[in-house]
C-alpha cells in the first residue's frame, strides 16, 4: 500500500510525543480511588485467566521452547514453577493470558488491553523489584496509550484485518515498561517508535493458537522496545503520524483529535469490560440475549423452530465461524455460542468449549436452526445484538442486548470477578493459595515488591 498523503500524515504533528508526555508524566497521586480499584480488578482478572491458560497446549509448547532455549532466570513463568528471562516470561505469560479468550476488553481499540500490558510490565517489575504503586501507575500509562492509539486509527485499522491487541497493544506495553523504567517523554516516544516497527498481527488467524501468541508478542516486543530505548537505541519519535508510519501504513483512518480527547472521567480505564463468558467478546451480547430469552420463556431446543441473530457486519470477520470443528473455533462462532446459551449450557465454563461439544449432534442440530443476519445500516455495533426465536407453536420472542456498557457498580463487579477468579485459580493453586493471591492483589498499592505476588503464582 502506498503512503497516505503527507498533508494527512502531518496534520497530527507531534502526536506521538504528546501521547508520550501523557504516559511519562502520570503519577500514582493522579489516580482516583475508582481507577486504582479498576487497576486491581484488571490484575485480578488477568491472574485468573493466566493461571487457567497456563495449562493450554499452546502455552506448554512455548514453555518447552523457553526451556530448550535457556536463559537468565529473571521473571516467573506463571503456573509452571520456574523463572525465565524477562522477555521469555512476557511472551509465555502474555500468550497464556489470552489462550482462553476470557480476558478483558476495551472497545476504544477493539481489543484486549490487560493481556497486552500486564505480562510485560509484571516481568519487568518482578526483575527490577518495583513496588505495587509503580506497577499500577505504569499499567495505567500503558492502558491509556493503547486506547488513544486505537482511537487514532479506528475503525480502519481493525477493519482492514489487523488484530489490535497485537498491533496497538505493542505501544501500550512499550509505554508502560518505559514508564516503570523512569523514562522521560522523549524516551517514551522513542520506545513507541521501536514498538511501532514491530507491531503486527492478523485477524485471519483467529481460531488458531496464533491469536493468543499475538498478545505474547505484543508484550515481548513492547518490553524490548522500552529496554532498548533506555539504552539509547534510536527510532523515529513520530512513528504514529509520520509519512509511511503506523497510521499511514496500517489504517485508512487518522483521527488525532480522537486520540487526544478526554474520555469519561479522565481515563479510558473506566470503560474496561470484563468477560463472564469464555468466548470472543463479539458473541457476548447474543449469548446474553439468548440466555435471557431461554429463561424467560422456558425455551427448550425441541420447541425452537428458527433463530435469527442480528449483529453488526463487522462480526463476520471476527466471530462468525459458521461450522466450528474444534473447541477453539467454537469460541469464535456466533451460531455455536448461541446454541450453547439456548441449550442451557454454561458459557462461563472452560469445559464447554471442548472439541467434543463443537461437533456434538444435538448442538449441531440446534446450531443449524440459527441464522446470522449481518444487519448493515441498522445501527448495530460489535457489542450489540438482537436475537429472535420462533417456536414450533408459532410464538416469536425478541430481545436486543448491548454488552458494551461498563459496570456502574464497581463493588458488584468486584464480587463477580472474585467469583470468576476463585473458579479459575483454585484448580491451579488450591483453595488456600488462591485465597492468599486474592488477598495480595487486594493490597497491591501497599506491596513493596511485585515479587510478593509472583512468588505465589507457581
Protein backbone atom coordinates (compact mmCIF):
# COMPACT_ATOMS: atom_id res chain seq x y z
CA UNK A 1 0.00 0.00 0.00
CA UNK A 2 1.32 3.45 -0.82
CA UNK A 3 1.68 6.02 1.95
CA UNK A 4 -1.27 8.25 2.68
CA UNK A 5 -1.00 11.87 1.53
CA UNK A 6 1.62 13.77 3.54
CA UNK A 7 -0.87 16.51 4.45
CA UNK A 8 -2.95 13.93 6.27
CA UNK A 9 0.06 12.41 7.99
CA UNK A 10 1.39 15.77 9.17
CA UNK A 11 -1.98 17.04 10.44
CA UNK A 12 -1.19 15.21 13.66
CA UNK A 13 2.25 16.74 14.00
CA UNK A 14 3.80 15.97 17.37
CA UNK A 15 1.12 13.42 18.27
CA UNK A 16 3.44 10.59 19.30
CA UNK A 17 5.36 12.92 21.60
CA UNK A 18 2.15 14.31 23.11
CA UNK A 19 0.96 10.80 23.94
CA UNK A 20 4.41 10.00 25.30
CA UNK A 21 4.25 13.09 27.52
CA UNK A 22 0.94 11.90 28.95
CA UNK A 23 2.38 8.47 29.68
CA UNK A 24 5.67 9.68 31.14
CA UNK A 25 4.03 12.34 33.30
CA UNK A 26 1.47 10.12 35.03
CA UNK A 27 1.90 9.70 38.80
CA UNK A 28 0.23 7.45 41.35
CA UNK A 29 -1.30 10.53 43.02
CA UNK A 30 -3.09 11.27 39.73
CA UNK A 31 -5.12 8.06 40.00
CA UNK A 32 -8.55 8.47 41.67
CA UNK A 33 -9.76 5.75 44.03
CA UNK A 34 -12.06 4.19 41.43
CA UNK A 35 -9.21 3.98 38.90
CA UNK A 36 -7.00 2.29 41.48
CA UNK A 37 -9.78 -0.21 42.13
CA UNK A 38 -10.12 -0.86 38.40
CA UNK A 39 -6.37 -1.48 38.14
CA UNK A 40 -6.59 -4.09 40.89
CA UNK A 41 -9.61 -5.63 39.15
CA UNK A 42 -7.71 -5.85 35.86
CA UNK A 43 -4.80 -7.52 37.66
CA UNK A 44 -7.14 -9.94 39.46
CA UNK A 45 -8.86 -10.93 36.23
CA UNK A 46 -5.55 -11.24 34.40
CA UNK A 47 -4.06 -13.53 37.03
CA UNK A 48 -7.18 -15.73 36.91
CA UNK A 49 -7.18 -16.23 33.15
CA UNK A 50 -3.41 -16.66 33.03
CA UNK A 51 -3.39 -19.41 35.65
CA UNK A 52 -6.15 -21.18 33.73
CA UNK A 53 -4.41 -20.63 30.39
CA UNK A 54 -1.06 -21.88 31.70
CA UNK A 55 -2.07 -25.49 31.06
CA UNK A 56 -3.28 -24.95 27.50
CA UNK A 57 -1.37 -26.81 24.74
CA UNK A 58 -0.10 -23.62 23.13
CA UNK A 59 1.34 -22.46 26.46
CA UNK A 60 3.03 -25.81 27.04
CA UNK A 61 4.63 -25.57 23.60
CA UNK A 62 6.00 -22.11 24.40
CA UNK A 63 7.26 -23.35 27.77
CA UNK A 64 9.07 -26.21 26.03
CA UNK A 65 10.62 -23.71 23.64
CA UNK A 66 11.79 -21.49 26.51
CA UNK A 67 13.22 -24.41 28.49
CA UNK A 68 15.10 -25.63 25.42
CA UNK A 69 16.41 -22.15 24.68
CA UNK A 70 17.51 -21.48 28.26
CA UNK A 71 18.05 -18.04 29.70
CA UNK A 72 18.78 -15.98 32.78
CA UNK A 73 16.05 -16.52 35.41
CA UNK A 74 14.55 -13.08 35.99
CA UNK A 75 10.76 -13.41 35.99
CA UNK A 76 8.19 -16.06 36.87
CA UNK A 77 6.58 -18.19 34.19
CA UNK A 78 3.15 -18.32 35.77
CA UNK A 79 1.78 -21.73 36.62
CA UNK A 80 4.97 -23.55 35.68
CA UNK A 81 7.24 -23.24 38.71
CA UNK A 82 10.32 -21.70 37.11
CA UNK A 83 11.75 -18.35 36.11
CA UNK A 84 12.93 -17.27 32.67
CA UNK A 85 14.29 -14.08 31.19
CA UNK A 86 12.01 -11.06 31.29
CA UNK A 87 11.33 -11.29 27.57
CA UNK A 88 10.63 -15.03 27.70
CA UNK A 89 8.26 -14.62 30.65
CA UNK A 90 6.44 -11.78 28.88
CA UNK A 91 5.98 -13.94 25.79
CA UNK A 92 4.74 -17.05 27.60
CA UNK A 93 2.57 -15.28 30.18
CA UNK A 94 1.11 -12.96 27.55
CA UNK A 95 0.14 -15.88 25.35
CA UNK A 96 -1.23 -17.89 28.29
CA UNK A 97 -3.40 -14.98 29.44
CA UNK A 98 -5.11 -14.79 26.05
CA UNK A 99 -5.23 -18.54 25.42
CA UNK A 100 -8.82 -18.93 26.64
CA UNK A 101 -10.11 -15.65 25.18
CA UNK A 102 -11.52 -14.95 28.63
CA UNK A 103 -9.68 -11.67 29.30
CA UNK A 104 -10.90 -8.08 29.45
CA UNK A 105 -11.81 -5.78 26.55
CA UNK A 106 -11.92 -2.09 25.68
CA UNK A 107 -13.90 -1.04 22.61
CA UNK A 108 -11.84 2.15 22.19
CA UNK A 109 -9.33 0.00 20.32
CA UNK A 110 -11.45 -3.15 19.83
CA UNK A 111 -9.05 -5.35 21.70
CA UNK A 112 -7.79 -6.81 24.95
CA UNK A 113 -5.78 -4.27 26.96
CA UNK A 114 -4.57 -6.10 30.06
CA UNK A 115 -3.01 -9.04 28.22
CA UNK A 116 -1.00 -6.62 26.10
CA UNK A 117 0.41 -4.74 29.11
CA UNK A 118 0.49 -6.75 32.35
CA UNK A 119 2.69 -9.69 31.23
CA UNK A 120 5.45 -7.36 30.04
CA UNK A 121 5.10 -4.97 32.95
CA UNK A 122 4.90 -7.66 35.63
CA UNK A 123 8.00 -9.43 34.31
CA UNK A 124 9.90 -6.14 34.37
CA UNK A 125 8.55 -5.15 37.79
CA UNK A 126 9.49 -8.52 39.29
CA UNK A 127 13.00 -8.40 37.85
CA UNK A 128 13.56 -4.79 38.93
CA UNK A 129 11.94 -5.11 42.37
CA UNK A 130 9.34 -2.43 41.57
CA UNK A 131 6.65 -1.78 44.15
CA UNK A 132 2.88 -2.01 43.72
CA UNK A 133 2.27 1.69 43.23
CA UNK A 134 4.90 1.95 40.50
CA UNK A 135 3.35 -1.07 38.79
CA UNK A 136 -0.18 0.36 38.99
CA UNK A 137 0.83 3.76 37.63
CA UNK A 138 2.78 2.25 34.75
CA UNK A 139 -0.16 -0.03 33.93
CA UNK A 140 -2.49 2.96 33.59
CA UNK A 141 0.08 4.77 31.44
CA UNK A 142 0.19 1.79 29.09
CA UNK A 143 -3.56 1.16 29.14
CA UNK A 144 -4.40 4.76 28.26
CA UNK A 145 -1.79 4.78 25.48
CA UNK A 146 -3.38 1.70 23.92
CA UNK A 147 -6.81 3.29 23.85
CA UNK A 148 -5.57 6.59 22.43
CA UNK A 149 -3.56 4.91 19.67
CA UNK A 150 -6.56 2.69 18.93
CA UNK A 151 -8.86 5.69 18.55
CA UNK A 152 -6.30 7.34 16.26
CA UNK A 153 -6.63 4.61 13.64
CA UNK A 154 -10.21 3.41 14.24
CA UNK A 155 -12.15 1.90 12.63
CA UNK A 156 -9.99 1.35 9.56
CA UNK A 157 -7.13 -0.43 11.31
CA UNK A 158 -9.26 -3.22 12.75
CA UNK A 159 -11.49 -3.23 9.68
CA UNK A 160 -8.54 -3.93 7.37
CA UNK A 161 -7.75 -7.12 9.25
CA UNK A 162 -5.24 -6.13 11.92
CA UNK A 163 -5.62 -7.62 15.40
CA UNK A 164 -5.44 -4.52 17.60
CA UNK A 165 -4.38 -6.46 20.69
CA UNK A 166 -1.22 -7.37 18.81
CA UNK A 167 -0.55 -4.14 16.96
CA UNK A 168 -1.85 -1.32 19.14
CA UNK A 169 -1.09 -3.39 22.22
CA UNK A 170 2.62 -3.23 21.45
CA UNK A 171 2.55 0.54 22.01
CA UNK A 172 0.86 0.08 25.37
CA UNK A 173 3.42 -2.45 26.55
CA UNK A 174 6.24 -0.14 25.47
CA UNK A 175 4.75 2.91 27.19
CA UNK A 176 4.05 1.00 30.41
CA UNK A 177 7.52 -0.54 30.62
CA UNK A 178 9.24 2.73 29.73
CA UNK A 179 7.25 4.45 32.49
CA UNK A 180 8.34 1.84 35.04
CA UNK A 181 11.94 2.39 33.96
CA UNK A 182 11.60 6.10 34.66
CA UNK A 183 11.83 7.26 31.04
CA UNK A 184 11.19 10.86 30.10
CA UNK A 185 8.73 11.77 27.34
CA UNK A 186 11.34 11.78 24.57
CA UNK A 187 12.49 8.29 25.53
CA UNK A 188 8.89 7.02 25.72
CA UNK A 189 8.34 8.41 22.22
CA UNK A 190 11.44 6.55 21.03
CA UNK A 191 10.17 3.36 22.68
CA UNK A 192 6.90 3.82 20.80
CA UNK A 193 8.89 4.16 17.58
CA UNK A 194 10.69 0.88 18.26
CA UNK A 195 7.35 -0.70 19.16
CA UNK A 196 5.64 0.61 16.04
CA UNK A 197 8.04 -1.01 13.63
CA UNK A 198 7.41 -4.38 15.34
CA UNK A 199 3.61 -4.08 15.54
CA UNK A 200 1.96 -7.00 13.71
CA UNK A 201 -0.92 -9.45 13.97
CA UNK A 202 -3.77 -10.50 11.66
CA UNK A 203 -7.41 -11.29 12.43
CA UNK A 204 -7.33 -14.05 9.84
CA UNK A 205 -5.54 -16.14 12.49
CA UNK A 206 -8.49 -16.01 14.91
CA UNK A 207 -9.50 -19.50 15.99
CA UNK A 208 -5.88 -20.71 15.99
CA UNK A 209 -3.05 -20.63 18.51
CA UNK A 210 -1.68 -17.52 16.81
CA UNK A 211 -4.33 -15.25 18.32
CA UNK A 212 -3.01 -15.79 21.87
CA UNK A 213 0.53 -15.58 20.52
CA UNK A 214 -0.34 -12.06 19.33
CA UNK A 215 -0.73 -10.93 22.94
CA UNK A 216 2.54 -12.59 23.91
CA UNK A 217 4.37 -10.93 21.04
CA UNK A 218 2.90 -7.52 21.90
CA UNK A 219 4.31 -7.92 25.40
CA UNK A 220 7.68 -9.22 24.20
CA UNK A 221 8.08 -6.51 21.57
CA UNK A 222 6.86 -3.70 23.83
CA UNK A 223 9.19 -4.70 26.66
CA UNK A 224 12.10 -4.99 24.23
CA UNK A 225 11.26 -1.57 22.80
CA UNK A 226 11.31 0.09 26.22
CA UNK A 227 14.57 -1.51 27.29
CA UNK A 228 16.29 -0.62 24.03
CA UNK A 229 15.07 2.96 24.20
CA UNK A 230 16.56 3.33 27.69
CA UNK A 231 19.89 2.08 26.29
CA UNK A 232 19.88 4.83 23.65
CA UNK A 233 18.58 2.78 20.70
CA UNK A 234 17.23 5.16 18.08
CA UNK A 235 13.87 5.33 16.32
CA UNK A 236 11.59 7.99 14.91
CA UNK A 237 9.79 9.88 17.70
CA UNK A 238 6.81 10.49 15.40
CA UNK A 239 6.02 6.91 14.39
CA UNK A 240 2.26 7.33 14.69
CA UNK A 241 1.82 10.35 12.44
CA UNK A 242 4.80 10.40 10.06
CA UNK A 243 4.55 9.55 6.34
CA UNK A 244 4.83 5.77 5.95
CA UNK A 245 4.40 5.48 9.72
CA UNK A 246 1.99 3.35 11.72
CA UNK A 247 -1.23 5.17 10.85
CA UNK A 248 -0.31 5.75 7.22
CA UNK A 249 0.54 2.12 6.52
CA UNK A 250 -1.97 0.30 8.72
CA UNK A 251 -5.22 2.25 8.51
CA UNK A 252 -7.47 4.26 6.22
CA UNK A 253 -8.37 6.43 9.23
CA UNK A 254 -6.35 9.04 11.09
CA UNK A 255 -8.03 10.90 13.97
CA UNK A 256 -5.59 12.89 16.14
CA UNK A 257 -8.45 14.70 17.86
CA UNK A 258 -9.96 11.39 18.98
CA UNK A 259 -6.59 10.22 20.27
CA UNK A 260 -6.18 13.38 22.36
CA UNK A 261 -9.79 13.75 23.54
CA UNK A 262 -10.58 13.35 27.23
CA UNK A 263 -12.59 10.20 27.99
CA UNK A 264 -15.33 9.86 30.58
CA UNK A 265 -13.89 10.62 34.00
CA UNK A 266 -10.48 11.36 32.51
CA UNK A 267 -9.46 7.72 31.97
CA UNK A 268 -10.27 5.16 29.28
CA UNK A 269 -9.91 2.56 32.03
CA UNK A 270 -13.43 3.50 33.16
CA UNK A 271 -14.70 1.77 30.01
CA UNK A 272 -12.98 -1.54 30.67
CA UNK A 273 -15.23 -4.56 30.05
CA UNK A 274 -14.72 -7.87 31.81
CA UNK A 275 -15.75 -11.21 30.37
CA UNK A 276 -18.12 -13.62 32.06
CA UNK A 277 -18.40 -15.92 29.04
CA UNK A 278 -15.26 -17.76 27.90
CA UNK A 279 -15.65 -16.79 24.23
CA UNK A 280 -14.93 -13.92 21.87
CA UNK A 281 -16.49 -10.72 23.22
CA UNK A 282 -18.31 -10.25 19.94
CA UNK A 283 -20.53 -13.21 20.90
CA UNK A 284 -21.43 -11.96 24.38
CA UNK A 285 -24.41 -9.79 23.53
CA UNK A 286 -26.02 -12.61 21.55
CA UNK A 287 -25.26 -15.11 24.32
CA UNK A 288 -26.89 -12.85 26.91
CA UNK A 289 -29.96 -12.20 24.75
CA UNK A 290 -30.40 -15.92 24.01
CA UNK A 291 -29.82 -16.91 27.64
CA UNK A 292 -32.42 -14.43 28.88
CA UNK A 293 -34.99 -15.49 26.28
CA UNK A 294 -34.49 -19.13 27.22
CA UNK A 295 -35.02 -18.38 30.92
CA UNK A 296 -37.96 -16.01 30.48
CA UNK A 297 -39.92 -18.25 28.10
CA UNK A 298 -38.77 -21.70 29.31
CA UNK A 299 -37.41 -22.49 25.87
CA UNK A 300 -36.06 -25.94 25.05
CA UNK A 301 -34.22 -26.97 21.88
CA UNK A 302 -37.21 -29.09 20.84
CA UNK A 303 -39.54 -26.06 20.92
CA UNK A 304 -37.25 -23.91 18.79
CA UNK A 305 -38.07 -23.79 15.08
CA UNK A 306 -35.77 -20.98 13.95
CA UNK A 307 -33.42 -18.40 15.43
CA UNK A 308 -32.23 -15.14 13.86
CA UNK A 309 -29.22 -13.37 15.36
CA UNK A 310 -28.79 -9.79 14.14
CA UNK A 311 -25.29 -8.38 14.52
CA UNK A 312 -23.01 -5.69 13.20
CA UNK A 313 -21.49 -6.65 9.82
CA UNK A 314 -18.02 -6.35 11.37
CA UNK A 315 -18.80 -9.51 13.34
CA UNK A 316 -18.50 -11.52 10.16
CA UNK A 317 -14.70 -11.22 10.21
CA UNK A 318 -14.35 -11.68 13.95
CA UNK A 319 -16.72 -14.27 15.41
CA UNK A 320 -18.78 -15.83 12.64
CA UNK A 321 -17.19 -19.22 12.09
CA UNK A 322 -20.30 -20.95 10.81
CA UNK A 323 -19.47 -24.60 11.43
CA UNK A 324 -16.70 -24.88 14.03
CA UNK A 325 -14.89 -28.20 14.26
CA UNK A 326 -12.86 -27.53 17.41
CA UNK A 327 -13.47 -26.06 20.83
CA UNK A 328 -11.24 -23.11 20.00
CA UNK A 329 -13.20 -22.38 16.82
CA UNK A 330 -16.47 -22.55 18.77
CA UNK A 331 -15.32 -19.54 20.83
CA UNK A 332 -15.49 -17.53 17.59
CA UNK A 333 -18.83 -18.85 16.38
CA UNK A 334 -21.99 -16.81 16.97
CA UNK A 335 -24.10 -19.76 15.89
CA UNK A 336 -22.45 -22.22 18.25
CA UNK A 337 -22.27 -19.95 21.30
CA UNK A 338 -25.94 -19.03 20.88
CA UNK A 339 -26.71 -22.75 20.62
CA UNK A 340 -24.90 -23.24 23.94
CA UNK A 341 -27.00 -20.49 25.53
CA UNK A 342 -30.30 -21.81 24.16
CA UNK A 343 -29.42 -25.33 25.30
CA UNK A 344 -28.76 -24.10 28.82
CA UNK A 345 -25.04 -24.92 28.70
CA UNK A 346 -22.79 -22.78 30.88
CA UNK A 347 -20.83 -20.45 28.59
CA UNK A 348 -18.65 -19.34 31.52
CA UNK A 349 -17.24 -22.85 31.94
CA UNK A 350 -13.97 -23.65 30.20
CA UNK A 351 -15.10 -27.25 29.72
CA UNK A 352 -17.96 -26.07 27.50
CA UNK A 353 -15.56 -25.19 24.67
CA UNK A 354 -14.35 -28.71 24.00
CA UNK A 355 -13.72 -30.40 20.68
CA UNK A 356 -16.48 -32.87 21.52
CA UNK A 357 -19.03 -30.12 22.09
CA UNK A 358 -18.09 -28.47 18.81
CA UNK A 359 -19.37 -31.49 16.89
CA UNK A 360 -21.97 -32.90 19.32
CA UNK A 361 -25.01 -33.97 17.28
CA UNK A 362 -27.63 -32.27 19.47
CA UNK A 363 -25.75 -28.97 19.50
CA UNK A 364 -25.10 -29.10 15.76
CA UNK A 365 -28.81 -29.72 15.16
CA UNK A 366 -29.68 -26.67 17.26
CA UNK A 367 -26.94 -24.63 15.61
CA UNK A 368 -28.39 -25.44 12.20
CA UNK A 369 -31.60 -23.65 13.21
CA UNK A 370 -29.65 -20.43 13.82
CA UNK A 371 -29.27 -17.82 11.08
CA UNK A 372 -26.85 -14.89 11.34
CA UNK A 373 -28.17 -11.61 9.91
CA UNK A 374 -25.41 -9.10 9.22
CA UNK A 375 -27.58 -6.06 9.76
CA UNK A 376 -25.99 -3.45 7.52
CA UNK A 377 -27.07 0.11 8.23
CA UNK A 378 -29.27 -0.79 11.20
CA UNK A 379 -27.17 0.80 13.93
CA UNK A 380 -25.63 -2.29 15.47
CA UNK A 381 -22.15 -2.31 17.00
CA UNK A 382 -19.75 -5.17 17.73
CA UNK A 383 -21.16 -5.36 21.28
CA UNK A 384 -24.84 -5.08 20.34
CA UNK A 385 -27.01 -7.97 19.12
CA UNK A 386 -30.66 -8.92 18.72
CA UNK A 387 -31.89 -12.50 19.00
CA UNK A 388 -35.23 -13.60 17.54
CA UNK A 389 -36.58 -17.03 18.48
CA UNK A 390 -39.51 -18.57 16.62
CA UNK A 391 -41.07 -21.61 18.24
CA UNK A 392 -42.86 -24.65 16.87
CA UNK A 393 -46.07 -23.32 18.47
CA UNK A 394 -45.89 -20.14 16.38
CA UNK A 395 -44.65 -17.79 19.11
CA UNK A 396 -41.98 -15.21 18.35
CA UNK A 397 -39.69 -13.78 21.04
CA UNK A 398 -37.24 -10.90 20.52
CA UNK A 399 -34.55 -9.41 22.75
CA UNK A 400 -31.78 -6.94 21.98
CA UNK A 401 -28.78 -6.69 24.30
CA UNK A 402 -25.68 -4.48 24.48
CA UNK A 403 -22.67 -5.98 26.25
CA UNK A 404 -20.59 -2.83 25.74
CA UNK A 405 -21.86 -0.89 28.76
CA UNK A 406 -19.29 -0.74 31.60
CA UNK A 407 -20.41 -1.72 35.08
CA UNK A 408 -21.87 1.12 37.13
CA UNK A 409 -21.37 -0.69 40.46
CA UNK A 410 -17.66 -1.46 40.86
CA UNK A 411 -18.22 -3.27 44.14
CA UNK A 412 -20.67 -5.68 42.49
CA UNK A 413 -18.15 -6.06 39.68
CA UNK A 414 -15.54 -6.93 42.30
CA UNK A 415 -17.82 -9.65 43.66
CA UNK A 416 -18.27 -11.13 40.18
CA UNK A 417 -14.55 -11.00 39.44
CA UNK A 418 -13.68 -12.67 42.73
CA UNK A 419 -16.10 -15.48 41.88
CA UNK A 420 -14.53 -15.83 38.44
CA UNK A 421 -11.05 -15.76 39.99
CA UNK A 422 -11.91 -18.45 42.51
CA UNK A 423 -13.35 -20.74 39.84
CA UNK A 424 -10.25 -20.39 37.62
CA UNK A 425 -7.46 -20.13 40.17
CA UNK A 426 -8.48 -22.79 42.68
CA UNK A 427 -7.86 -25.75 40.31
CA UNK A 428 -4.40 -24.38 39.56
CA UNK A 429 -3.30 -23.27 43.03
CA UNK A 430 -5.55 -24.93 45.56
CA UNK A 431 -8.09 -23.10 47.72
CA UNK A 432 -5.65 -21.79 50.36
CA UNK A 433 -3.10 -20.41 47.88
CA UNK A 434 -5.85 -18.90 45.69
CA UNK A 435 -7.21 -17.05 48.72
CA UNK A 436 -3.71 -15.76 49.50
CA UNK A 437 -3.33 -14.47 45.94
CA UNK A 438 -6.72 -12.77 46.14
CA UNK A 439 -5.73 -11.01 49.36
CA UNK A 440 -2.35 -9.99 47.94
CA UNK A 441 -3.89 -8.40 44.85
CA UNK A 442 -6.34 -6.52 47.07
CA UNK A 443 -3.36 -4.71 48.66
CA UNK A 444 -1.33 -4.15 45.50
CA UNK A 445 -0.96 -0.47 46.42
CA UNK A 446 0.97 -1.47 49.53
CA UNK A 447 3.28 -4.14 48.08
CA UNK A 448 6.95 -3.26 48.49
CA UNK A 449 7.75 -5.51 45.53
CA UNK A 450 5.55 -7.16 42.90
CA UNK A 451 7.56 -10.30 43.60
CA UNK A 452 5.32 -10.70 46.66
CA UNK A 453 2.60 -11.60 44.16
CA UNK A 454 4.55 -13.52 41.52
CA UNK A 455 6.10 -15.91 44.10
CA UNK A 456 2.55 -17.16 44.75
CA UNK A 457 1.73 -17.87 41.10
CA UNK A 458 3.50 -21.21 40.74
